[in-house]
Amino acid sequence: MPLSLHAALIPGWLQILTSTRALVDKAEAHCTATGIDPQTLIGARLIDDMLPFAYQIKSCAVHSQGAIEGVRKGQFAPDMADPPHSFAGLAERLDAASLFLAGVDPAELDDLAGRDMMFEIPGRIRYDFTGADFLLGFSQPNFFFHATTAYNILRANGVRIGKRDYIGAMPLKG
């Protein structure tokens, strides 16, 4: 049985969006327990030239929900809007992406697989894809990069989390 585009993307995105949502809660609890200003973690970076935790969280939604919306339009450009500046706002952004993904029709997503898709940063770069190649070869790797970077930022800043917190609820048999 061939694997559908929906099956290749949506369950994994939902799994990691859910675990990343839990990381936001753990970050907030860490700030409360230690007296750290929440903006310290929300603005934390792994290194100066990388974007902060809030951007990493926003990008998980952008490279899942936003990617599918982009394929529907045939065009995707980076979302340069500021990320939410609170744990509540970050949680809401992830919750909205999860709700959106849960409603994606498998047949519709598979119908979008062969559609022409363009990624563009106006005046800088343009990449042409099929819908499936964009989702699997561009957005999915970006999604996992940003989720992993968010996790690593929290670890580097003393939040007590481990690999199971990143992986979340696995799709176990029975």
Protein backbone atom coordinates (compact mmCIF):
# COMPACT_ATOMS: atom_id res chain seq x y z
CA MET A 1 0.00 0.00 0.00
CA PRO A 2 1.52 3.35 -0.99
CA LEU A 3 1.93 6.00 1.68
CA SER A 4 -0.28 9.03 1.10
CA LEU A 5 1.07 12.56 1.36
CA HIS A 6 -1.32 13.13 4.26
CA ALA A 7 0.01 10.07 6.11
CA ALA A 8 3.61 11.14 5.46
CA LEU A 9 3.08 14.62 6.92
CA ILE A 10 0.10 15.24 9.15
CA PRO A 11 0.54 12.63 11.92
CA GLY A 12 4.21 13.53 12.45
CA TRP A 13 3.49 17.25 12.41
CA LEU A 14 0.66 16.81 14.92
CA GLN A 15 2.88 14.66 17.15
CA ILE A 16 5.64 17.27 17.28
CA LEU A 17 3.27 20.26 17.46
CA THR A 18 1.70 18.63 20.52
CA SER A 19 5.07 17.95 22.15
CA THR A 20 6.31 21.44 21.27
CA ARG A 21 3.14 22.88 22.81
CA ALA A 22 4.02 20.96 26.00
CA LEU A 23 7.53 22.45 25.83
CA VAL A 24 6.03 25.93 25.87
CA ASP A 25 4.14 24.99 29.04
CA LYS A 26 7.32 23.57 30.59
CA ALA A 27 9.21 26.75 29.72
CA GLU A 28 6.54 28.85 31.39
CA ALA A 29 6.55 26.59 34.48
CA HIS A 30 10.35 26.84 34.61
CA CYS A 31 10.13 30.65 34.63
CA THR A 32 7.54 30.56 37.40
CA ALA A 33 9.53 28.09 39.50
CA THR A 34 12.86 29.86 39.11
CA GLY A 35 11.73 33.48 38.97
CA ILE A 36 13.22 33.96 35.51
CA ASP A 37 11.59 36.71 33.47
CA PRO A 38 9.56 34.91 30.75
CA GLN A 39 11.07 37.24 28.13
CA THR A 40 14.46 35.73 28.91
CA LEU A 41 13.36 32.36 27.51
CA ILE A 42 11.02 33.75 24.87
CA GLY A 43 13.93 35.77 23.47
CA ALA A 44 16.65 33.18 24.09
CA ARG A 45 18.87 32.06 21.20
CA LEU A 46 21.37 29.25 20.77
CA ILE A 47 23.84 31.69 19.29
CA ASP A 48 23.67 35.37 18.39
CA ASP A 49 23.03 34.92 14.68
CA MET A 50 20.11 32.49 15.18
CA LEU A 51 16.55 33.59 15.74
CA PRO A 52 14.99 33.35 19.23
CA PHE A 53 12.78 30.72 20.83
CA ALA A 54 9.57 32.59 19.93
CA TYR A 55 10.54 32.59 16.25
CA GLN A 56 11.33 28.87 16.36
CA ILE A 57 7.90 28.14 17.81
CA LYS A 58 6.15 30.36 15.26
CA SER A 59 8.07 28.62 12.48
CA CYS A 60 6.69 25.22 13.51
CA ALA A 61 3.24 26.57 12.67
CA VAL A 62 4.48 28.32 9.53
CA HIS A 63 6.10 25.17 8.14
CA SER A 64 3.06 22.99 8.80
CA GLN A 65 -0.18 24.96 8.59
CA GLY A 66 1.41 27.73 6.53
CA ALA A 67 2.98 25.27 4.15
CA ILE A 68 -0.34 23.63 3.34
CA GLU A 69 -1.97 27.04 2.91
CA GLY A 70 0.90 27.93 0.58
CA VAL A 71 0.45 24.82 -1.55
CA ARG A 72 -3.25 25.62 -1.80
CA LYS A 73 -2.29 29.08 -3.16
CA GLY A 74 0.66 27.77 -5.19
CA GLN A 75 3.03 30.18 -3.45
CA PHE A 76 4.88 30.41 -0.15
CA ALA A 77 7.05 33.19 1.22
CA PRO A 78 8.63 33.37 4.66
CA ASP A 79 6.38 34.82 7.35
CA MET A 80 8.32 37.84 8.57
CA ALA A 81 5.71 38.96 11.09
CA ASP A 82 6.84 39.16 14.68
CA PRO A 83 6.18 36.00 16.67
CA PRO A 84 3.95 36.12 19.74
CA HIS A 85 5.70 37.71 22.72
CA SER A 86 4.13 35.58 25.46
CA PHE A 87 3.92 31.91 26.34
CA ALA A 88 0.13 32.15 25.96
CA GLY A 89 0.49 33.61 22.47
CA LEU A 90 2.98 30.93 21.46
CA ALA A 91 0.68 28.22 22.79
CA GLU A 92 -2.27 29.69 20.89
CA ARG A 93 -0.26 29.71 17.65
CA LEU A 94 0.62 26.02 18.06
CA ASP A 95 -2.96 25.13 19.05
CA ALA A 96 -4.31 26.88 15.95
CA ALA A 97 -1.87 25.00 13.71
CA SER A 98 -2.82 21.67 15.29
CA LEU A 99 -6.52 22.38 14.87
CA PHE A 100 -5.94 23.35 11.23
CA LEU A 101 -3.93 20.20 10.51
CA ALA A 102 -6.50 17.96 12.16
CA GLY A 103 -9.02 19.28 9.65
CA VAL A 104 -6.94 18.72 6.51
CA ASP A 105 -8.72 16.33 4.17
CA PRO A 106 -6.41 13.50 3.08
CA ALA A 107 -7.84 13.43 -0.45
CA GLU A 108 -7.38 17.18 -0.86
CA LEU A 109 -3.76 16.99 0.26
CA ASP A 110 -3.02 14.15 -2.12
CA ASP A 111 -4.68 16.13 -4.93
CA LEU A 112 -2.28 19.01 -4.22
CA ALA A 113 0.80 16.76 -4.57
CA GLY A 114 1.43 17.50 -8.25
CA ARG A 115 0.41 21.15 -8.19
CA ASP A 116 3.00 23.76 -9.14
CA MET A 117 4.41 25.46 -6.07
CA MET A 118 6.76 28.41 -5.76
CA PHE A 119 8.85 29.46 -2.78
CA GLU A 120 10.07 33.02 -3.06
CA ILE A 121 11.89 35.65 -1.11
CA PRO A 122 11.11 38.58 -3.41
CA GLY A 123 14.20 40.01 -5.04
CA ARG A 124 16.46 37.31 -3.55
CA ILE A 125 15.52 33.72 -4.42
CA ARG A 126 12.86 31.68 -6.09
CA TYR A 127 12.44 27.92 -6.04
CA ASP A 128 9.88 26.03 -8.09
CA PHE A 129 8.52 22.76 -6.69
CA THR A 130 5.62 20.41 -6.97
CA GLY A 131 3.34 20.54 -3.95
CA ALA A 132 4.65 17.20 -2.65
CA ASP A 133 8.30 18.14 -3.15
CA PHE A 134 7.77 21.46 -1.38
CA LEU A 135 6.01 19.84 1.58
CA LEU A 136 8.36 16.86 1.92
CA GLY A 137 11.66 18.41 0.84
CA PHE A 138 11.38 21.98 2.09
CA SER A 139 8.71 22.52 4.74
CA GLN A 140 9.02 19.23 6.58
CA PRO A 141 12.80 19.59 7.14
CA ASN A 142 12.28 23.22 8.17
CA PHE A 143 9.51 22.19 10.57
CA PHE A 144 11.74 19.67 12.35
CA PHE A 145 14.70 22.08 12.35
CA HIS A 146 12.67 24.74 14.15
CA ALA A 147 11.09 22.28 16.61
CA THR A 148 14.53 20.86 17.45
CA THR A 149 16.03 24.33 17.79
CA ALA A 150 13.23 25.38 20.18
CA TYR A 151 13.89 22.26 22.25
CA ASN A 152 17.64 22.94 22.26
CA ILE A 153 17.15 26.56 23.33
CA LEU A 154 15.17 25.41 26.35
CA ARG A 155 17.73 22.73 27.22
CA ALA A 156 20.58 25.22 26.92
CA ASN A 157 18.72 27.54 29.30
CA GLY A 158 18.20 24.99 32.05
CA VAL A 159 14.65 23.81 31.41
CA ARG A 160 14.45 20.22 32.63
CA ILE A 161 13.38 18.39 29.49
CA GLY A 162 14.61 15.30 27.71
CA LYS A 163 14.27 13.46 24.44
CA ARG A 164 10.87 12.02 25.39
CA ASP A 165 9.60 15.58 25.82
CA TYR A 166 10.62 16.29 22.22
CA ILE A 167 9.21 13.07 20.76
CA GLY A 168 5.92 13.25 22.62
CA ALA A 169 3.18 10.66 22.23
CA MET A 170 4.34 8.07 19.73
CA PRO A 171 1.83 6.28 17.48
CA LEU A 172 2.16 2.90 19.19
CA LYS A 173 0.36 -0.17 17.96
CA GLY A 174 -2.88 -0.98 19.80
